[in-house]
Amino acid sequence: TRAMLQPELITYMYYNNIINHCHATSHSVRTCDNVTYPYTMDHACWTLISSDCYEHPSFAVFIKKEEKAPLGMMALIGDQKIEFIPMEANKIHIKMNDKDYDLTDNGVIFSPLDTTPVTNKVVHKFKFKIIRRKTSYVLDFFPQMMINYDGNSVQVLAGPHVKGQNC
């Protein structure tokens, strides 16, 4: 079974630096060691912003400059590639392993352990899930990391067991 963290516990862990977190926009980057520096993304190449540094990494998160929004985002989770591609104002296209997915407001995509991803259907044994709330998306790969993305910024929250293992 998967234990669910209560929002109060996540908030406590966040503000007490138990959870690593980094934040990137098209103008600045806040690193996991709480240093913020200006950053100008003047190219359209994928740039690594977070990854675990184990011999066989379980995740990696990349950003790049897009034409229709400040940032595009890609995550690699095991052998899965998830891309968030801004299409127009407040519309983000999702591709998983080069297959297109449409996610409506308050929708969810589960990536089951042994089959193809499913939209708006609860799956109990899954590798990760993507949740949409209005114009924001959450990619939840519990307990390794969680990503908050809205086309303007990306925030990566890494689990406490990954602390000190981020690149």
N, C-alpha and C. Protein backbone atom coordinates (compact mmCIF):
# COMPACT_ATOMS: atom_id res chain seq x y z
N THR A 1 0.84 -1.20 0.00
CA THR A 1 0.00 0.00 0.00
C THR A 1 0.87 1.24 0.00
N ARG A 2 0.27 2.34 -0.38
CA ARG A 2 0.97 3.62 -0.42
C ARG A 2 0.44 4.52 0.68
N ALA A 3 1.30 4.92 1.58
CA ALA A 3 0.91 5.83 2.65
C ALA A 3 0.74 7.22 2.04
N MET A 4 -0.28 7.92 2.47
CA MET A 4 -0.51 9.27 1.98
C MET A 4 -0.08 10.27 3.05
N LEU A 5 0.73 11.22 2.65
CA LEU A 5 1.16 12.27 3.57
C LEU A 5 0.07 13.31 3.68
N GLN A 6 -0.20 13.73 4.88
CA GLN A 6 -1.18 14.78 5.12
C GLN A 6 -0.56 16.12 4.74
N PRO A 7 -1.35 17.07 4.25
CA PRO A 7 -0.80 18.37 3.87
C PRO A 7 -0.05 19.06 5.01
N GLU A 8 -0.50 18.89 6.23
CA GLU A 8 0.17 19.51 7.37
C GLU A 8 1.59 18.97 7.53
N LEU A 9 1.78 17.68 7.33
CA LEU A 9 3.10 17.07 7.46
C LEU A 9 4.02 17.53 6.34
N ILE A 10 3.51 17.61 5.13
CA ILE A 10 4.31 18.09 4.00
C ILE A 10 4.74 19.54 4.25
N THR A 11 3.82 20.37 4.72
CA THR A 11 4.14 21.77 5.03
C THR A 11 5.22 21.84 6.10
N TYR A 12 5.09 21.04 7.16
CA TYR A 12 6.10 21.01 8.22
C TYR A 12 7.46 20.61 7.66
N MET A 13 7.48 19.56 6.85
CA MET A 13 8.74 19.06 6.28
C MET A 13 9.36 20.10 5.33
N TYR A 14 8.52 20.80 4.59
CA TYR A 14 9.00 21.82 3.65
C TYR A 14 9.68 22.97 4.40
N TYR A 15 8.98 23.53 5.39
CA TYR A 15 9.50 24.71 6.09
C TYR A 15 10.62 24.38 7.07
N ASN A 16 10.84 23.13 7.38
CA ASN A 16 11.95 22.74 8.25
C ASN A 16 13.09 22.08 7.47
N ASN A 17 13.07 22.29 6.15
CA ASN A 17 14.13 21.81 5.25
C ASN A 17 14.38 20.31 5.34
N ILE A 18 13.33 19.55 5.58
CA ILE A 18 13.43 18.09 5.56
C ILE A 18 13.24 17.60 4.13
N ILE A 19 12.43 18.34 3.38
CA ILE A 19 12.21 18.06 1.96
C ILE A 19 13.07 19.03 1.16
N ASN A 20 13.90 18.51 0.26
CA ASN A 20 14.66 19.37 -0.66
C ASN A 20 13.69 19.98 -1.65
N HIS A 21 13.91 21.24 -1.99
CA HIS A 21 13.08 21.82 -3.03
C HIS A 21 13.89 22.84 -3.82
N CYS A 22 13.66 22.82 -5.12
CA CYS A 22 14.25 23.82 -6.00
C CYS A 22 13.13 24.41 -6.84
N HIS A 23 13.36 25.62 -7.33
CA HIS A 23 12.33 26.34 -8.06
C HIS A 23 12.99 27.06 -9.23
N ALA A 24 12.44 26.91 -10.42
CA ALA A 24 13.01 27.56 -11.60
C ALA A 24 11.94 28.31 -12.37
N THR A 25 12.32 29.49 -12.83
CA THR A 25 11.50 30.26 -13.76
C THR A 25 12.40 30.58 -14.96
N SER A 26 11.89 31.34 -15.90
CA SER A 26 12.73 31.73 -17.03
C SER A 26 13.70 32.85 -16.66
N HIS A 27 13.60 33.36 -15.40
CA HIS A 27 14.45 34.47 -14.96
C HIS A 27 15.33 34.15 -13.77
N SER A 28 15.01 33.09 -13.01
CA SER A 28 15.80 32.78 -11.82
C SER A 28 15.70 31.30 -11.46
N VAL A 29 16.66 30.87 -10.64
CA VAL A 29 16.68 29.51 -10.13
C VAL A 29 16.96 29.56 -8.64
N ARG A 30 16.15 28.86 -7.86
CA ARG A 30 16.41 28.70 -6.44
C ARG A 30 16.86 27.26 -6.26
N THR A 31 18.07 27.07 -5.76
CA THR A 31 18.66 25.74 -5.64
C THR A 31 18.21 25.06 -4.35
N CYS A 32 18.52 23.77 -4.23
CA CYS A 32 18.14 23.00 -3.05
C CYS A 32 18.85 23.48 -1.79
N ASP A 33 19.95 24.20 -1.93
CA ASP A 33 20.64 24.72 -0.74
C ASP A 33 20.28 26.18 -0.48
N ASN A 34 19.11 26.61 -0.97
CA ASN A 34 18.51 27.91 -0.68
C ASN A 34 19.30 29.09 -1.24
N VAL A 35 19.89 28.92 -2.40
CA VAL A 35 20.57 30.02 -3.08
C VAL A 35 19.75 30.35 -4.32
N THR A 36 19.41 31.63 -4.47
CA THR A 36 18.67 32.07 -5.65
C THR A 36 19.60 32.93 -6.50
N TYR A 37 19.63 32.63 -7.78
CA TYR A 37 20.47 33.42 -8.67
C TYR A 37 19.70 33.71 -9.97
N PRO A 38 20.03 34.83 -10.61
CA PRO A 38 19.36 35.15 -11.88
C PRO A 38 19.77 34.14 -12.95
N TYR A 39 18.83 33.87 -13.83
CA TYR A 39 19.09 32.91 -14.90
C TYR A 39 18.30 33.34 -16.12
N THR A 40 18.96 33.48 -17.23
CA THR A 40 18.29 33.82 -18.48
C THR A 40 18.38 32.63 -19.40
N MET A 41 17.24 32.10 -19.74
CA MET A 41 17.19 30.95 -20.64
C MET A 41 17.09 31.48 -22.06
N ASP A 42 18.20 31.54 -22.75
CA ASP A 42 18.23 32.10 -24.10
C ASP A 42 18.40 31.03 -25.17
N HIS A 43 18.05 29.80 -24.83
CA HIS A 43 18.16 28.70 -25.79
C HIS A 43 16.97 27.77 -25.59
N ALA A 44 16.74 26.91 -26.56
CA ALA A 44 15.60 25.98 -26.50
C ALA A 44 16.09 24.55 -26.29
N CYS A 45 17.17 24.38 -25.54
CA CYS A 45 17.70 23.04 -25.24
C CYS A 45 17.24 22.63 -23.84
N TRP A 46 17.07 21.33 -23.64
CA TRP A 46 16.69 20.83 -22.32
C TRP A 46 17.82 21.08 -21.33
N THR A 47 17.47 21.60 -20.16
CA THR A 47 18.43 21.90 -19.10
C THR A 47 18.01 21.15 -17.84
N LEU A 48 18.91 20.36 -17.27
CA LEU A 48 18.62 19.60 -16.06
C LEU A 48 18.49 20.54 -14.88
N ILE A 49 17.38 20.42 -14.13
CA ILE A 49 17.25 21.22 -12.91
C ILE A 49 17.23 20.35 -11.65
N SER A 50 16.89 19.07 -11.76
CA SER A 50 16.90 18.22 -10.58
C SER A 50 16.97 16.76 -11.00
N SER A 51 17.69 15.99 -10.19
CA SER A 51 17.80 14.55 -10.42
C SER A 51 18.36 13.92 -9.16
N ASP A 52 18.03 12.66 -8.93
CA ASP A 52 18.77 11.99 -7.86
C ASP A 52 20.07 11.50 -8.48
N CYS A 53 21.08 11.37 -7.67
CA CYS A 53 22.43 11.07 -8.19
C CYS A 53 22.87 9.65 -7.86
N TYR A 54 21.93 8.75 -7.74
CA TYR A 54 22.29 7.36 -7.50
C TYR A 54 22.87 6.77 -8.78
N GLU A 55 23.44 5.58 -8.66
CA GLU A 55 24.03 4.93 -9.82
C GLU A 55 22.99 4.73 -10.93
N HIS A 56 21.78 4.37 -10.53
CA HIS A 56 20.66 4.22 -11.47
C HIS A 56 19.58 5.21 -11.03
N PRO A 57 19.61 6.45 -11.54
CA PRO A 57 18.67 7.48 -11.10
C PRO A 57 17.22 7.06 -11.31
N SER A 58 16.37 7.42 -10.36
CA SER A 58 14.95 7.10 -10.48
C SER A 58 14.18 8.23 -11.16
N PHE A 59 14.75 9.46 -11.15
CA PHE A 59 14.07 10.57 -11.81
C PHE A 59 15.06 11.64 -12.26
N ALA A 60 14.62 12.44 -13.22
CA ALA A 60 15.34 13.63 -13.67
C ALA A 60 14.30 14.62 -14.19
N VAL A 61 14.53 15.90 -13.95
CA VAL A 61 13.59 16.94 -14.36
C VAL A 61 14.36 17.98 -15.19
N PHE A 62 13.80 18.31 -16.35
CA PHE A 62 14.43 19.24 -17.28
C PHE A 62 13.46 20.37 -17.63
N ILE A 63 14.00 21.54 -17.98
CA ILE A 63 13.19 22.65 -18.50
C ILE A 63 13.83 23.17 -19.78
N LYS A 64 13.01 23.85 -20.58
CA LYS A 64 13.54 24.54 -21.76
C LYS A 64 12.62 25.69 -22.12
N LYS A 65 13.17 26.63 -22.86
CA LYS A 65 12.42 27.78 -23.34
C LYS A 65 11.44 27.33 -24.41
N GLU A 66 10.24 27.83 -24.33
CA GLU A 66 9.21 27.50 -25.31
C GLU A 66 8.72 28.77 -26.00
N GLU A 67 8.09 28.62 -27.16
CA GLU A 67 7.58 29.76 -27.91
C GLU A 67 6.32 30.34 -27.29
N LYS A 68 5.43 29.48 -26.78
CA LYS A 68 4.12 29.93 -26.34
C LYS A 68 3.99 30.11 -24.83
N ALA A 69 5.05 29.89 -24.09
CA ALA A 69 5.07 30.10 -22.64
C ALA A 69 6.54 30.19 -22.23
N PRO A 70 6.80 30.72 -21.05
CA PRO A 70 8.20 30.84 -20.63
C PRO A 70 8.95 29.51 -20.53
N LEU A 71 8.28 28.43 -20.07
CA LEU A 71 8.99 27.17 -19.84
C LEU A 71 8.21 25.96 -20.31
N GLY A 72 8.93 25.02 -20.90
CA GLY A 72 8.43 23.67 -21.12
C GLY A 72 9.10 22.79 -20.08
N MET A 73 8.54 21.65 -19.77
CA MET A 73 9.11 20.78 -18.75
C MET A 73 9.05 19.33 -19.20
N MET A 74 10.11 18.57 -18.88
CA MET A 74 10.15 17.15 -19.17
C MET A 74 10.67 16.43 -17.92
N ALA A 75 10.06 15.31 -17.61
CA ALA A 75 10.53 14.49 -16.50
C ALA A 75 10.77 13.07 -17.01
N LEU A 76 11.85 12.49 -16.54
CA LEU A 76 12.13 11.09 -16.80
C LEU A 76 11.97 10.36 -15.48
N ILE A 77 11.07 9.39 -15.47
CA ILE A 77 10.83 8.59 -14.27
C ILE A 77 11.02 7.13 -14.68
N GLY A 78 12.14 6.55 -14.24
CA GLY A 78 12.47 5.21 -14.69
C GLY A 78 12.60 5.23 -16.20
N ASP A 79 11.81 4.40 -16.89
CA ASP A 79 11.85 4.36 -18.35
C ASP A 79 10.73 5.17 -18.99
N GLN A 80 10.05 6.01 -18.21
CA GLN A 80 8.94 6.81 -18.72
C GLN A 80 9.41 8.24 -18.99
N LYS A 81 9.01 8.80 -20.13
CA LYS A 81 9.31 10.19 -20.47
C LYS A 81 7.99 10.96 -20.50
N ILE A 82 7.90 12.01 -19.67
CA ILE A 82 6.69 12.81 -19.56
C ILE A 82 7.04 14.24 -19.97
N GLU A 83 6.35 14.76 -20.99
CA GLU A 83 6.60 16.12 -21.46
C GLU A 83 5.36 16.98 -21.25
N PHE A 84 5.59 18.20 -20.77
CA PHE A 84 4.54 19.21 -20.63
C PHE A 84 4.88 20.31 -21.63
N ILE A 85 4.05 20.45 -22.67
CA ILE A 85 4.34 21.35 -23.78
C ILE A 85 3.28 22.45 -23.82
N PRO A 86 3.67 23.70 -23.53
CA PRO A 86 2.69 24.80 -23.62
C PRO A 86 2.23 24.99 -25.06
N MET A 87 0.91 25.09 -25.26
CA MET A 87 0.34 25.23 -26.60
C MET A 87 -0.18 26.64 -26.85
N GLU A 88 -0.83 27.22 -25.86
CA GLU A 88 -1.36 28.58 -25.92
C GLU A 88 -1.60 29.01 -24.47
N ALA A 89 -2.12 30.20 -24.28
CA ALA A 89 -2.33 30.69 -22.92
C ALA A 89 -3.15 29.68 -22.10
N ASN A 90 -2.59 29.24 -21.00
CA ASN A 90 -3.24 28.33 -20.05
C ASN A 90 -3.61 26.97 -20.64
N LYS A 91 -3.00 26.56 -21.72
CA LYS A 91 -3.24 25.23 -22.30
C LYS A 91 -1.90 24.52 -22.44
N ILE A 92 -1.79 23.38 -21.76
CA ILE A 92 -0.55 22.62 -21.77
C ILE A 92 -0.84 21.21 -22.27
N HIS A 93 -0.07 20.79 -23.22
CA HIS A 93 -0.21 19.46 -23.82
C HIS A 93 0.70 18.48 -23.08
N ILE A 94 0.21 17.28 -22.82
CA ILE A 94 1.00 16.26 -22.11
C ILE A 94 1.30 15.11 -23.06
N LYS A 95 2.57 14.71 -23.11
CA LYS A 95 2.99 13.54 -23.87
C LYS A 95 3.70 12.60 -22.90
N MET A 96 3.32 11.33 -22.95
CA MET A 96 4.00 10.32 -22.16
C MET A 96 4.50 9.26 -23.13
N ASN A 97 5.82 9.10 -23.19
CA ASN A 97 6.43 8.17 -24.13
C ASN A 97 5.92 8.41 -25.55
N ASP A 98 5.86 9.69 -25.92
CA ASP A 98 5.44 10.15 -27.25
C ASP A 98 3.98 9.89 -27.58
N LYS A 99 3.17 9.55 -26.59
CA LYS A 99 1.74 9.39 -26.79
C LYS A 99 1.04 10.59 -26.16
N ASP A 100 0.05 11.17 -26.87
CA ASP A 100 -0.64 12.37 -26.42
C ASP A 100 -1.74 12.05 -25.41
N TYR A 101 -1.85 12.95 -24.41
CA TYR A 101 -2.89 12.83 -23.38
C TYR A 101 -3.52 14.19 -23.17
N ASP A 102 -4.84 14.20 -23.02
CA ASP A 102 -5.56 15.42 -22.72
C ASP A 102 -6.07 15.31 -21.30
N LEU A 103 -5.79 16.32 -20.50
CA LEU A 103 -6.19 16.30 -19.10
C LEU A 103 -7.04 17.53 -18.82
N THR A 104 -8.30 17.30 -18.46
CA THR A 104 -9.21 18.40 -18.16
C THR A 104 -8.98 18.88 -16.73
N ASP A 105 -9.58 20.01 -16.39
CA ASP A 105 -9.46 20.55 -15.04
C ASP A 105 -9.95 19.53 -14.02
N ASN A 106 -9.20 19.37 -12.94
CA ASN A 106 -9.45 18.39 -11.88
C ASN A 106 -9.33 16.95 -12.36
N GLY A 107 -8.68 16.76 -13.48
CA GLY A 107 -8.46 15.42 -14.01
C GLY A 107 -7.17 14.83 -13.47
N VAL A 108 -7.02 13.53 -13.68
CA VAL A 108 -5.83 12.81 -13.21
C VAL A 108 -5.45 11.74 -14.23
N ILE A 109 -4.14 11.55 -14.39
CA ILE A 109 -3.62 10.45 -15.20
C ILE A 109 -2.80 9.58 -14.28
N PHE A 110 -3.10 8.29 -14.24
CA PHE A 110 -2.31 7.33 -13.48
C PHE A 110 -1.44 6.54 -14.45
N SER A 111 -0.21 6.29 -14.06
CA SER A 111 0.67 5.43 -14.85
C SER A 111 0.82 4.12 -14.09
N PRO A 112 -0.01 3.12 -14.42
CA PRO A 112 0.05 1.84 -13.72
C PRO A 112 1.40 1.16 -13.90
N LEU A 113 1.72 0.27 -12.97
CA LEU A 113 2.99 -0.42 -13.00
C LEU A 113 3.13 -1.33 -14.21
N ASP A 114 2.02 -1.91 -14.69
CA ASP A 114 2.14 -2.95 -15.71
C ASP A 114 1.35 -2.71 -17.00
N THR A 115 0.68 -1.55 -17.13
CA THR A 115 -0.09 -1.27 -18.34
C THR A 115 0.14 0.17 -18.77
N THR A 116 -0.56 0.58 -19.83
CA THR A 116 -0.45 1.95 -20.31
C THR A 116 -1.21 2.90 -19.39
N PRO A 117 -0.82 4.18 -19.40
CA PRO A 117 -1.49 5.16 -18.53
C PRO A 117 -2.98 5.27 -18.82
N VAL A 118 -3.74 5.59 -17.77
CA VAL A 118 -5.18 5.75 -17.88
C VAL A 118 -5.57 7.12 -17.34
N THR A 119 -6.59 7.72 -17.96
CA THR A 119 -7.06 9.05 -17.59
C THR A 119 -8.35 8.95 -16.80
N ASN A 120 -8.41 9.69 -15.69
CA ASN A 120 -9.61 9.85 -14.87
C ASN A 120 -10.20 8.53 -14.38
N LYS A 121 -9.34 7.58 -14.10
CA LYS A 121 -9.76 6.31 -13.52
C LYS A 121 -8.75 5.97 -12.42
N VAL A 122 -9.23 5.67 -11.24
CA VAL A 122 -8.34 5.41 -10.11
C VAL A 122 -7.65 4.05 -10.29
N VAL A 123 -6.35 4.06 -10.12
CA VAL A 123 -5.54 2.86 -10.19
C VAL A 123 -4.76 2.78 -8.89
N HIS A 124 -4.78 1.64 -8.21
CA HIS A 124 -4.15 1.54 -6.90
C HIS A 124 -2.66 1.23 -6.97
N LYS A 125 -2.21 0.50 -7.95
CA LYS A 125 -0.78 0.19 -8.08
C LYS A 125 -0.24 0.96 -9.27
N PHE A 126 0.39 2.11 -8.96
CA PHE A 126 0.88 2.96 -10.02
C PHE A 126 2.28 3.47 -9.70
N LYS A 127 2.99 3.84 -10.76
CA LYS A 127 4.34 4.39 -10.61
C LYS A 127 4.27 5.87 -10.25
N PHE A 128 3.43 6.63 -10.97
CA PHE A 128 3.24 8.05 -10.71
C PHE A 128 1.87 8.47 -11.21
N LYS A 129 1.48 9.69 -10.82
CA LYS A 129 0.23 10.25 -11.31
C LYS A 129 0.43 11.72 -11.62
N ILE A 130 -0.41 12.24 -12.51
CA ILE A 130 -0.40 13.65 -12.88
C ILE A 130 -1.79 14.20 -12.57
N ILE A 131 -1.82 15.30 -11.86
CA ILE A 131 -3.09 15.92 -11.45
C ILE A 131 -3.13 17.34 -12.02
N ARG A 132 -4.27 17.72 -12.56
CA ARG A 132 -4.43 19.10 -13.05
C ARG A 132 -5.42 19.83 -12.16
N ARG A 133 -5.02 21.03 -11.73
CA ARG A 133 -5.88 21.93 -10.98
C ARG A 133 -5.84 23.27 -11.68
N LYS A 134 -6.88 23.58 -12.43
CA LYS A 134 -6.97 24.79 -13.25
C LYS A 134 -5.79 24.85 -14.21
N THR A 135 -4.84 25.76 -14.01
CA THR A 135 -3.71 25.88 -14.93
C THR A 135 -2.43 25.28 -14.37
N SER A 136 -2.51 24.61 -13.23
CA SER A 136 -1.33 24.00 -12.61
C SER A 136 -1.40 22.48 -12.70
N TYR A 137 -0.22 21.88 -12.80
CA TYR A 137 -0.09 20.44 -12.90
C TYR A 137 0.84 19.95 -11.79
N VAL A 138 0.50 18.81 -11.22
CA VAL A 138 1.34 18.17 -10.21
C VAL A 138 1.68 16.79 -10.72
N LEU A 139 2.98 16.49 -10.81
CA LEU A 139 3.43 15.15 -11.13
C LEU A 139 3.91 14.55 -9.82
N ASP A 140 3.22 13.54 -9.34
CA ASP A 140 3.48 12.94 -8.03
C ASP A 140 4.14 11.58 -8.21
N PHE A 141 5.41 11.50 -7.88
CA PHE A 141 6.19 10.26 -7.93
C PHE A 141 6.61 9.96 -6.49
N PHE A 142 5.64 9.57 -5.69
CA PHE A 142 5.83 9.37 -4.25
C PHE A 142 6.63 8.10 -4.00
N PRO A 143 7.58 8.09 -3.10
CA PRO A 143 8.03 9.18 -2.22
C PRO A 143 9.26 9.90 -2.75
N GLN A 144 9.69 9.63 -3.99
CA GLN A 144 10.92 10.24 -4.51
C GLN A 144 10.80 11.75 -4.69
N MET A 145 9.77 12.20 -5.41
CA MET A 145 9.64 13.63 -5.66
C MET A 145 8.26 13.98 -6.15
N MET A 146 7.99 15.30 -6.10
CA MET A 146 6.75 15.85 -6.61
C MET A 146 7.12 17.12 -7.38
N ILE A 147 6.48 17.34 -8.52
CA ILE A 147 6.75 18.52 -9.34
C ILE A 147 5.47 19.33 -9.45
N ASN A 148 5.59 20.64 -9.25
CA ASN A 148 4.51 21.59 -9.51
C ASN A 148 4.92 22.40 -10.74
N TYR A 149 4.03 22.47 -11.73
CA TYR A 149 4.35 23.12 -12.99
C TYR A 149 3.13 23.86 -13.52
N ASP A 150 3.36 25.09 -14.05
CA ASP A 150 2.25 25.85 -14.61
C ASP A 150 2.59 26.55 -15.93
N GLY A 151 3.74 26.24 -16.52
CA GLY A 151 4.15 26.89 -17.76
C GLY A 151 5.05 28.09 -17.52
N ASN A 152 4.97 28.66 -16.32
CA ASN A 152 5.81 29.80 -15.95
C ASN A 152 6.93 29.42 -15.00
N SER A 153 6.69 28.40 -14.20
CA SER A 153 7.70 27.97 -13.24
C SER A 153 7.58 26.47 -12.97
N VAL A 154 8.68 25.92 -12.45
CA VAL A 154 8.73 24.52 -12.07
C VAL A 154 9.29 24.46 -10.66
N GLN A 155 8.61 23.73 -9.79
CA GLN A 155 9.11 23.49 -8.44
C GLN A 155 9.23 21.99 -8.24
N VAL A 156 10.41 21.54 -7.80
CA VAL A 156 10.65 20.13 -7.55
C VAL A 156 10.84 19.95 -6.05
N LEU A 157 10.01 19.09 -5.47
CA LEU A 157 10.12 18.73 -4.05
C LEU A 157 10.63 17.30 -3.99
N ALA A 158 11.82 17.12 -3.42
CA ALA A 158 12.41 15.78 -3.33
C ALA A 158 12.19 15.23 -1.93
N GLY A 159 11.89 13.95 -1.84
CA GLY A 159 11.64 13.30 -0.55
C GLY A 159 12.86 13.37 0.36
N PRO A 160 12.63 13.21 1.67
CA PRO A 160 13.73 13.33 2.64
C PRO A 160 14.83 12.29 2.45
N HIS A 161 14.51 11.12 1.91
CA HIS A 161 15.53 10.10 1.68
C HIS A 161 16.42 10.45 0.49
N VAL A 162 16.02 11.44 -0.32
CA VAL A 162 16.81 11.87 -1.46
C VAL A 162 17.70 13.06 -1.06
N LYS A 163 17.49 13.60 0.13
CA LYS A 163 18.25 14.76 0.60
C LYS A 163 19.75 14.48 0.50
N GLY A 164 20.48 15.41 -0.06
CA GLY A 164 21.92 15.23 -0.24
C GLY A 164 22.27 14.39 -1.45
N GLN A 165 21.28 13.91 -2.19
CA GLN A 165 21.53 13.10 -3.37
C GLN A 165 21.09 13.80 -4.65
N ASN A 166 20.72 15.08 -4.55
CA ASN A 166 20.33 15.82 -5.74
C ASN A 166 21.56 16.36 -6.45
N CYS A 167 21.51 16.41 -7.76
CA CYS A 167 22.60 17.00 -8.54
C CYS A 167 22.53 18.52 -8.44
